[in-house]
Amino acid sequence: MSDFRKLHVWQKALALSLNVDRVCKKIRGAQYASLRSQLFRAATSIPANIAEGRRQESEKEFARFLRYALNSSSELESHLIFAYGSEVIPEKDFRSLVSQTIRVRKMLYALLKCLAVEGPPSPALVRAHKTARSKPPAGSRRLQFAIWTFSRPMPLPPTAPW
């Protein structure tokens, strides 16, 4: 599979996780240590699962890791709702992070939908892949278009540390 860093959804998920990290660093109080940890873990799990899935041998396995990322985005949103409701994070941060989370989730759903449309690769392509041990079958034009769509270069967020 191709380089995960080119995926637009991974770039957005990474930006989200960096923004969650910034907000987590502002949360004070020993009683919120677990919440900080859960927010951080859920947020960093999203781009990590996209990256891990992109390196898998099949589109089916890639889709499985995209679903893990999708589940982590729902977990993150739940933790954000709690953090805002318990007045641990300000409304401005809450709205921004939830908006980014929903955007990433929509992108994950769209990519999963493109993968689901695809049927299994032809037996000839599977045999050729096993024999050559090179790149996995590329899939149909529709999938190639979906990968291209989600792989367009994305400018880094203005608050990125690098």
Protein backbone atom coordinates (compact mmCIF):
# COMPACT_ATOMS: atom_id res chain seq x y z
CA MET A 1 0.00 0.00 0.00
CA SER A 2 1.07 3.59 -0.44
CA ASP A 3 2.50 6.02 2.05
CA PHE A 4 -0.02 6.83 4.79
CA ARG A 5 1.40 10.36 5.16
CA LYS A 6 -0.13 11.28 1.80
CA LEU A 7 -3.65 10.47 2.98
CA HIS A 8 -5.64 13.64 3.56
CA VAL A 9 -7.64 11.93 6.32
CA TRP A 10 -4.41 10.97 8.15
CA GLN A 11 -3.17 14.57 7.95
CA LYS A 12 -6.45 15.86 9.39
CA ALA A 13 -6.39 13.21 12.12
CA LEU A 14 -2.80 14.13 13.01
CA ALA A 15 -3.74 17.82 13.24
CA LEU A 16 -6.67 16.86 15.48
CA SER A 17 -4.43 14.80 17.78
CA LEU A 18 -1.93 17.67 18.06
CA ASN A 19 -4.74 20.06 18.96
CA VAL A 20 -6.09 17.62 21.56
CA ASP A 21 -2.59 17.38 23.02
CA ARG A 22 -2.45 21.18 23.38
CA VAL A 23 -5.80 21.23 25.17
CA CYS A 24 -4.82 18.28 27.40
CA LYS A 25 -1.77 20.19 28.58
CA LYS A 26 -4.08 22.92 29.89
CA ILE A 27 -6.19 20.53 31.98
CA ARG A 28 -5.16 20.81 35.61
CA GLY A 29 -6.01 18.74 38.64
CA ALA A 30 -5.04 15.25 39.76
CA GLN A 31 -8.66 14.11 39.53
CA TYR A 32 -8.53 14.71 35.74
CA ALA A 33 -5.34 12.74 35.05
CA SER A 34 -7.36 9.81 33.72
CA LEU A 35 -9.45 12.08 31.49
CA ARG A 36 -6.30 13.70 30.07
CA SER A 37 -4.88 10.26 29.36
CA GLN A 38 -8.07 9.01 27.70
CA LEU A 39 -8.41 12.14 25.56
CA PHE A 40 -4.80 11.87 24.44
CA ARG A 41 -4.96 8.12 23.76
CA ALA A 42 -8.21 8.31 21.79
CA ALA A 43 -6.93 11.23 19.70
CA THR A 44 -3.54 9.68 18.90
CA SER A 45 -5.17 6.34 18.13
CA ILE A 46 -6.99 7.79 15.11
CA PRO A 47 -3.97 8.65 12.91
CA ALA A 48 -2.04 5.65 14.28
CA ASN A 49 -4.74 3.22 13.14
CA ILE A 50 -4.96 4.88 9.73
CA ALA A 51 -1.19 4.54 9.33
CA GLU A 52 -1.11 0.95 10.55
CA GLY A 53 -4.02 -0.01 8.32
CA ARG A 54 -2.48 1.57 5.25
CA ARG A 55 0.50 -0.77 5.58
CA GLN A 56 -1.65 -3.92 5.60
CA GLU A 57 -1.63 -6.40 2.75
CA SER A 58 -5.27 -6.08 1.72
CA GLU A 59 -7.99 -3.49 1.43
CA LYS A 60 -10.12 -5.59 3.79
CA GLU A 61 -7.47 -5.28 6.50
CA PHE A 62 -7.10 -1.56 5.74
CA ALA A 63 -10.86 -1.16 6.22
CA ARG A 64 -10.63 -2.98 9.57
CA PHE A 65 -8.09 -0.43 10.84
CA LEU A 66 -10.19 2.44 9.47
CA ARG A 67 -13.06 1.12 11.59
CA TYR A 68 -10.75 1.14 14.62
CA ALA A 69 -9.94 4.78 13.85
CA LEU A 70 -13.65 5.49 13.48
CA ASN A 71 -14.34 3.95 16.89
CA SER A 72 -11.55 6.02 18.43
CA SER A 73 -13.10 9.18 16.97
CA SER A 74 -16.39 8.35 18.68
CA GLU A 75 -14.55 7.67 21.93
CA LEU A 76 -12.74 11.00 21.62
CA GLU A 77 -16.00 12.86 21.04
CA SER A 78 -17.53 11.25 24.13
CA HIS A 79 -14.57 12.28 26.28
CA LEU A 80 -14.74 15.82 24.88
CA ILE A 81 -18.44 16.05 25.74
CA PHE A 82 -17.69 14.96 29.29
CA ALA A 83 -14.74 17.36 29.60
CA TYR A 84 -16.88 20.28 28.45
CA GLY A 85 -19.85 19.25 30.61
CA SER A 86 -17.64 19.06 33.69
CA GLU A 87 -16.18 22.48 32.80
CA VAL A 88 -12.65 21.12 32.36
CA ILE A 89 -12.20 22.58 28.86
CA PRO A 90 -13.56 25.92 27.57
CA GLU A 91 -16.37 26.08 25.03
CA LYS A 92 -14.09 27.44 22.30
CA ASP A 93 -11.74 24.43 22.55
CA PHE A 94 -14.69 22.04 22.82
CA ARG A 95 -16.38 23.36 19.69
CA SER A 96 -13.16 23.35 17.69
CA LEU A 97 -12.14 19.83 18.69
CA VAL A 98 -15.60 18.32 18.21
CA SER A 99 -15.85 19.97 14.79
CA GLN A 100 -12.46 18.52 13.78
CA THR A 101 -13.43 15.11 15.17
CA ILE A 102 -16.66 15.04 13.17
CA ARG A 103 -14.83 16.11 10.02
CA VAL A 104 -12.28 13.30 10.41
CA ARG A 105 -15.07 10.82 11.11
CA LYS A 106 -16.91 11.85 7.94
CA MET A 107 -13.71 11.40 5.95
CA LEU A 108 -13.22 7.94 7.46
CA TYR A 109 -16.81 6.98 6.59
CA ALA A 110 -16.30 8.19 3.02
CA LEU A 111 -13.08 6.23 2.61
CA LEU A 112 -14.69 3.11 4.10
CA LYS A 113 -17.61 3.48 1.72
CA CYS A 114 -15.21 3.59 -1.24
CA LEU A 115 -13.47 0.46 0.02
CA ALA A 116 -16.79 -1.33 0.58
CA VAL A 117 -17.89 -0.73 -3.02
CA GLU A 118 -14.93 -2.71 -4.22
CA GLY A 119 -15.35 -6.40 -4.73
CA PRO A 120 -12.63 -8.89 -3.94
CA PRO A 121 -9.59 -8.76 -6.22
CA SER A 122 -9.59 -11.18 -9.11
CA PRO A 123 -7.87 -14.53 -8.52
CA ALA A 124 -5.33 -13.66 -11.23
CA LEU A 125 -4.31 -10.48 -9.39
CA VAL A 126 -4.01 -12.37 -6.11
CA ARG A 127 -1.83 -15.05 -7.74
CA ALA A 128 0.33 -12.37 -9.39
CA HIS A 129 0.73 -10.58 -6.07
CA LYS A 130 1.69 -13.75 -4.22
CA THR A 131 4.16 -14.68 -6.93
CA ALA A 132 5.76 -11.25 -7.32
CA ARG A 133 5.69 -10.33 -3.61
CA SER A 134 5.62 -6.71 -4.66
CA LYS A 135 2.89 -4.16 -4.11
CA PRO A 136 -0.65 -5.48 -3.48
CA PRO A 137 -3.19 -5.23 -6.30
CA ALA A 138 -4.13 -1.63 -6.96
CA GLY A 139 -7.87 -2.25 -7.25
CA SER A 140 -10.34 -0.62 -9.58
CA ARG A 141 -10.33 2.89 -10.95
CA ARG A 142 -12.95 3.94 -8.40
CA LEU A 143 -10.71 2.87 -5.51
CA GLN A 144 -7.68 4.51 -7.14
CA PHE A 145 -9.69 7.73 -7.41
CA ALA A 146 -10.72 7.44 -3.74
CA ILE A 147 -7.12 6.95 -2.65
CA TRP A 148 -6.06 9.90 -4.81
CA THR A 149 -8.86 12.03 -3.34
CA PHE A 150 -7.81 11.21 0.22
CA SER A 151 -4.10 11.56 -0.62
CA ARG A 152 -3.97 15.11 -1.89
CA PRO A 153 -1.34 17.31 -0.26
CA MET A 154 -2.64 19.14 2.75
CA PRO A 155 -1.07 22.24 4.26
CA LEU A 156 -0.05 21.86 7.87
CA PRO A 157 -2.26 23.57 10.44
CA PRO A 158 -1.06 27.07 11.37
CA THR A 159 -0.45 25.97 14.95
CA ALA A 160 1.74 22.99 14.03
CA PRO A 161 4.97 22.96 16.06
CA TRP A 162 7.16 22.19 13.07
